[in-house]
Amino acid sequence: TMTIHSEEHIVDVHVRSGVYSSDTIFDYTHGYIATRLFSRNACFIMKIKKELIPELREIGRLAFEREAMKDVYSPNNVWALFQAGSSRLGRFKDWILYGKHIENLCTGLPLYQ
């Protein structure tokens, strides 16, 4: 499911698929995406690259089109490959940088950038 909070410039994406379940937050105000993978008990954070990630108003349209048409190809599909590296727990200055929505998603989990 996808929830778009236009006034806060936030998109919440919840994937419920057993071992592959995850929650993702697109925080357009702070410019970061965070994904919490439940199977790994970890949080992955990446900077939003405007040339690769659809804008907030565009992501809603793409989601609507995808749901309405199911199998329509879109050149704006976004895939991210996360490679294991060093992790750390979030610190106060991280949460200022990433914002409260990502803090709520990732507090207490190892952070991978």
Protein backbone atom coordinates (compact mmCIF):
# COMPACT_ATOMS: atom_id res chain seq x y z
CA THR A 1 0.00 0.00 0.00
CA MET A 2 1.09 3.56 -0.63
CA THR A 3 0.06 6.63 1.33
CA ILE A 4 0.98 10.09 0.08
CA HIS A 5 1.06 12.93 2.60
CA SER A 6 1.30 15.92 0.24
CA GLU A 7 1.30 18.53 3.00
CA GLU A 8 4.31 16.89 4.71
CA HIS A 9 6.05 15.86 1.44
CA ILE A 10 6.15 12.23 2.62
CA VAL A 11 5.27 8.96 0.88
CA ASP A 12 4.82 5.77 2.95
CA VAL A 13 5.05 2.45 1.13
CA HIS A 14 4.16 -0.75 2.98
CA VAL A 15 4.91 -4.11 1.37
CA ARG A 16 3.37 -7.12 3.10
CA SER A 17 4.85 -10.23 1.55
CA GLY A 18 5.92 -12.60 4.31
CA VAL A 19 9.68 -12.74 4.65
CA TYR A 20 10.02 -9.94 2.04
CA SER A 21 7.92 -7.42 4.00
CA SER A 22 9.22 -3.87 4.26
CA ASP A 23 8.28 -0.29 5.02
CA THR A 24 9.73 2.58 2.99
CA ILE A 25 9.54 6.32 3.53
CA PHE A 26 10.28 8.87 0.81
CA ASP A 27 10.96 12.12 2.68
CA TYR A 28 11.09 14.81 0.00
CA THR A 29 11.60 17.60 2.55
CA HIS A 30 14.86 16.14 3.85
CA GLY A 31 15.79 14.44 0.55
CA TYR A 32 16.15 10.85 1.81
CA ILE A 33 14.55 7.44 1.33
CA ALA A 34 14.63 4.89 4.14
CA THR A 35 13.66 1.24 3.81
CA ARG A 36 13.17 -1.04 6.78
CA LEU A 37 13.55 -4.69 5.81
CA PHE A 38 11.84 -6.80 8.42
CA SER A 39 13.71 -10.00 7.47
CA ARG A 40 17.05 -8.28 8.10
CA ASN A 41 16.00 -6.12 11.05
CA ALA A 42 17.89 -3.22 9.44
CA CYS A 43 17.28 0.18 7.89
CA PHE A 44 18.79 1.28 4.57
CA ILE A 45 18.99 5.00 3.81
CA MET A 46 19.82 6.69 0.53
CA LYS A 47 19.77 10.24 -0.76
CA ILE A 48 17.04 11.08 -3.26
CA LYS A 49 18.60 11.68 -6.66
CA LYS A 50 16.16 13.90 -8.50
CA GLU A 51 17.19 12.56 -11.90
CA LEU A 52 16.30 8.98 -10.82
CA ILE A 53 13.46 9.26 -8.28
CA PRO A 54 10.05 10.57 -9.38
CA GLU A 55 8.85 13.83 -7.81
CA LEU A 56 6.12 13.67 -5.17
CA ARG A 57 3.32 14.71 -7.52
CA GLU A 58 4.60 12.25 -10.14
CA ILE A 59 4.82 9.25 -7.78
CA GLY A 60 1.09 9.43 -7.04
CA ARG A 61 0.26 9.49 -10.72
CA LEU A 62 2.57 6.54 -11.42
CA ALA A 63 0.99 4.54 -8.58
CA PHE A 64 -2.50 5.28 -9.89
CA GLU A 65 -1.52 4.30 -13.43
CA ARG A 66 0.15 1.12 -12.21
CA GLU A 67 -2.94 0.10 -10.24
CA ALA A 68 -5.32 1.00 -13.08
CA MET A 69 -3.32 -0.65 -15.84
CA LYS A 70 -1.44 -3.35 -13.82
CA ASP A 71 0.99 -4.41 -16.58
CA VAL A 72 1.86 -1.11 -18.23
CA TYR A 73 5.57 -0.48 -18.64
CA SER A 74 6.90 2.69 -17.07
CA PRO A 75 10.46 3.97 -17.63
CA ASN A 76 10.28 5.44 -14.12
CA ASN A 77 10.46 2.15 -12.23
CA VAL A 78 13.05 2.55 -9.49
CA TRP A 79 15.18 -0.31 -8.22
CA ALA A 80 17.86 -0.03 -5.59
CA LEU A 81 20.54 -2.57 -4.82
CA PHE A 82 21.77 -2.47 -1.26
CA GLN A 83 25.19 -3.87 -0.54
CA ALA A 84 26.10 -4.89 2.97
CA GLY A 85 28.67 -2.64 4.54
CA SER A 86 29.32 -1.11 7.89
CA SER A 87 26.35 -0.09 9.96
CA ARG A 88 25.78 2.02 13.01
CA LEU A 89 22.93 3.01 15.23
CA GLY A 90 21.42 6.42 14.56
CA ARG A 91 22.68 9.40 16.52
CA PHE A 92 20.97 12.70 17.31
CA LYS A 93 22.60 14.49 14.37
CA ASP A 94 21.44 11.71 12.02
CA TRP A 95 17.82 12.27 12.98
CA ILE A 96 18.14 16.02 12.38
CA LEU A 97 19.48 15.25 8.90
CA TYR A 98 16.99 12.47 8.03
CA GLY A 99 13.89 13.88 9.79
CA LYS A 100 11.34 12.56 12.27
CA HIS A 101 9.57 10.17 9.87
CA ILE A 102 12.76 8.26 9.11
CA GLU A 103 13.73 8.41 12.79
CA ASN A 104 10.41 6.78 13.71
CA LEU A 105 10.98 4.06 11.12
CA CYS A 106 14.63 3.31 11.92
CA THR A 107 15.26 4.05 15.62
CA GLY A 108 17.06 1.16 17.30
CA LEU A 109 18.01 -0.55 14.04
CA PRO A 110 21.41 -0.69 12.35
CA LEU A 111 21.63 2.02 9.66
CA TYR A 112 23.23 1.34 6.29
CA GLN A 113 23.84 4.21 3.89
